[in-house]
């Protein structure tokens, strides 16, 4: 089980701020993106492609990164 937290435009797109997904041990960001695109539609995958992911203490865009029990999905933020 992986807790996924969504922020800003991604939270708006999926209609929630968090959910728990039953992903297998060793699942990666690429696996997460496939699961989310299957659930919410291919347009979401385009958004996920520009997101950063906070996996544990590491901010990454590497699709091969193995997921931890909690992952934050962070779209690009504007402003200063």
C-alpha atoms as a PDB file:
ATOM      1  CA  UNK A   1       0.000   0.000   0.000  1.00  0.00           C
ATOM      2  CA  UNK A   2       1.268   3.441  -0.956  1.00  0.00           C
ATOM      3  CA  UNK A   3      -0.223   6.716   0.253  1.00  0.00           C
ATOM      4  CA  UNK A   4      -0.275   9.195  -2.618  1.00  0.00           C
ATOM      5  CA  UNK A   5      -0.691  12.888  -1.787  1.00  0.00           C
ATOM      6  CA  UNK A   6      -1.679  15.290  -4.557  1.00  0.00           C
ATOM      7  CA  UNK A   7      -1.076  19.033  -4.657  1.00  0.00           C
ATOM      8  CA  UNK A   8      -2.405  22.018  -6.639  1.00  0.00           C
ATOM      9  CA  UNK A   9      -3.525  21.202 -10.204  1.00  0.00           C
ATOM     10  CA  UNK A  10      -3.060  17.454  -9.748  1.00  0.00           C
ATOM     11  CA  UNK A  11      -5.353  17.449  -6.696  1.00  0.00           C
ATOM     12  CA  UNK A  12      -7.912  19.338  -8.771  1.00  0.00           C
ATOM     13  CA  UNK A  13      -7.584  16.884 -11.670  1.00  0.00           C
ATOM     14  CA  UNK A  14      -8.135  13.770  -9.538  1.00  0.00           C
ATOM     15  CA  UNK A  15     -10.671  15.429  -7.249  1.00  0.00           C
ATOM     16  CA  UNK A  16      -8.908  14.604  -3.992  1.00  0.00           C
ATOM     17  CA  UNK A  17      -5.837  15.484  -1.970  1.00  0.00           C
ATOM     18  CA  UNK A  18      -4.778  11.934  -1.130  1.00  0.00           C
ATOM     19  CA  UNK A  19      -5.536   8.279  -1.621  1.00  0.00           C
ATOM     20  CA  UNK A  20      -4.010   4.922  -0.827  1.00  0.00           C
ATOM     21  CA  UNK A  21      -3.189   2.615  -3.715  1.00  0.00           C
ATOM     22  CA  UNK A  22      -2.454  -1.094  -3.608  1.00  0.00           C
ATOM     23  CA  UNK A  23       0.798  -1.143  -5.571  1.00  0.00           C
ATOM     24  CA  UNK A  24       3.216  -4.075  -5.410  1.00  0.00           C
ATOM     25  CA  UNK A  25       6.513  -3.942  -3.546  1.00  0.00           C
ATOM     26  CA  UNK A  26       9.143  -2.532  -5.876  1.00  0.00           C
ATOM     27  CA  UNK A  27       6.663  -0.424  -7.856  1.00  0.00           C
ATOM     28  CA  UNK A  28       8.182   2.642  -9.503  1.00  0.00           C
ATOM     29  CA  UNK A  29       7.061   6.131 -10.460  1.00  0.00           C
ATOM     30  CA  UNK A  30       6.412   4.746 -13.954  1.00  0.00           C
ATOM     31  CA  UNK A  31       4.084   2.123 -12.438  1.00  0.00           C
ATOM     32  CA  UNK A  32       2.316   4.829 -10.451  1.00  0.00           C
ATOM     33  CA  UNK A  33       1.815   6.932 -13.579  1.00  0.00           C
ATOM     34  CA  UNK A  34       0.344   3.949 -15.459  1.00  0.00           C
ATOM     35  CA  UNK A  35      -2.031   3.228 -12.575  1.00  0.00           C
ATOM     36  CA  UNK A  36      -3.154   6.845 -12.333  1.00  0.00           C
ATOM     37  CA  UNK A  37      -3.593   7.240 -16.100  1.00  0.00           C
ATOM     38  CA  UNK A  38      -5.657   4.048 -16.182  1.00  0.00           C
ATOM     39  CA  UNK A  39      -7.827   5.313 -13.325  1.00  0.00           C
ATOM     40  CA  UNK A  40      -8.176   8.983 -14.257  1.00  0.00           C
ATOM     41  CA  UNK A  41      -7.565   9.048 -18.008  1.00  0.00           C
ATOM     42  CA  UNK A  42      -4.696   9.713 -20.417  1.00  0.00           C
ATOM     43  CA  UNK A  43      -4.885  13.496 -20.005  1.00  0.00           C
ATOM     44  CA  UNK A  44      -3.698  13.062 -16.422  1.00  0.00           C
ATOM     45  CA  UNK A  45      -0.556  11.282 -17.652  1.00  0.00           C
ATOM     46  CA  UNK A  46       0.407  14.399 -19.605  1.00  0.00           C
ATOM     47  CA  UNK A  47       0.198  16.381 -16.366  1.00  0.00           C
ATOM     48  CA  UNK A  48       2.110  13.717 -14.437  1.00  0.00           C
ATOM     49  CA  UNK A  49       4.907  13.914 -17.000  1.00  0.00           C
ATOM     50  CA  UNK A  50       5.842  17.411 -15.830  1.00  0.00           C
ATOM     51  CA  UNK A  51       5.437  16.701 -12.122  1.00  0.00           C
ATOM     52  CA  UNK A  52       8.130  16.116  -9.557  1.00  0.00           C
ATOM     53  CA  UNK A  53       7.699  13.338  -7.008  1.00  0.00           C
ATOM     54  CA  UNK A  54       8.778  13.440  -3.396  1.00  0.00           C
ATOM     55  CA  UNK A  55       9.695   9.836  -2.661  1.00  0.00           C
ATOM     56  CA  UNK A  56      10.892   9.527   0.901  1.00  0.00           C
ATOM     57  CA  UNK A  57      13.241  12.493   1.287  1.00  0.00           C
ATOM     58  CA  UNK A  58      14.203  12.655  -2.392  1.00  0.00           C
ATOM     59  CA  UNK A  59      12.636  14.968  -4.957  1.00  0.00           C
ATOM     60  CA  UNK A  60      12.841  13.265  -8.347  1.00  0.00           C
ATOM     61  CA  UNK A  61      11.428  12.941 -11.834  1.00  0.00           C
ATOM     62  CA  UNK A  62      13.138   9.573 -12.448  1.00  0.00           C
ATOM     63  CA  UNK A  63      10.480   7.092 -13.640  1.00  0.00           C
ATOM     64  CA  UNK A  64      12.626   4.188 -12.392  1.00  0.00           C
ATOM     65  CA  UNK A  65      12.601   5.439  -8.784  1.00  0.00           C
ATOM     66  CA  UNK A  66      11.113   2.840  -6.424  1.00  0.00           C
ATOM     67  CA  UNK A  67       8.181   4.103  -4.408  1.00  0.00           C
ATOM     68  CA  UNK A  68       8.196   4.461  -0.633  1.00  0.00           C
ATOM     69  CA  UNK A  69       5.091   4.121   1.590  1.00  0.00           C
ATOM     70  CA  UNK A  70       4.228   7.781   0.919  1.00  0.00           C
ATOM     71  CA  UNK A  71       4.716   9.709  -2.325  1.00  0.00           C
ATOM     72  CA  UNK A  72       3.851  13.341  -2.979  1.00  0.00           C
ATOM     73  CA  UNK A  73       2.934  14.372  -6.538  1.00  0.00           C
ATOM     74  CA  UNK A  74       4.042  17.966  -7.090  1.00  0.00           C
ATOM     75  CA  UNK A  75       3.084  19.851 -10.255  1.00  0.00           C
ATOM     76  CA  UNK A  76       5.194  22.815 -11.350  1.00  0.00           C
ATOM     77  CA  UNK A  77       4.488  25.823  -9.181  1.00  0.00           C
ATOM     78  CA  UNK A  78       4.457  29.387 -10.468  1.00  0.00           C
ATOM     79  CA  UNK A  79       5.096  32.530  -8.540  1.00  0.00           C
ATOM     80  CA  UNK A  80       7.782  33.709  -6.233  1.00  0.00           C
END
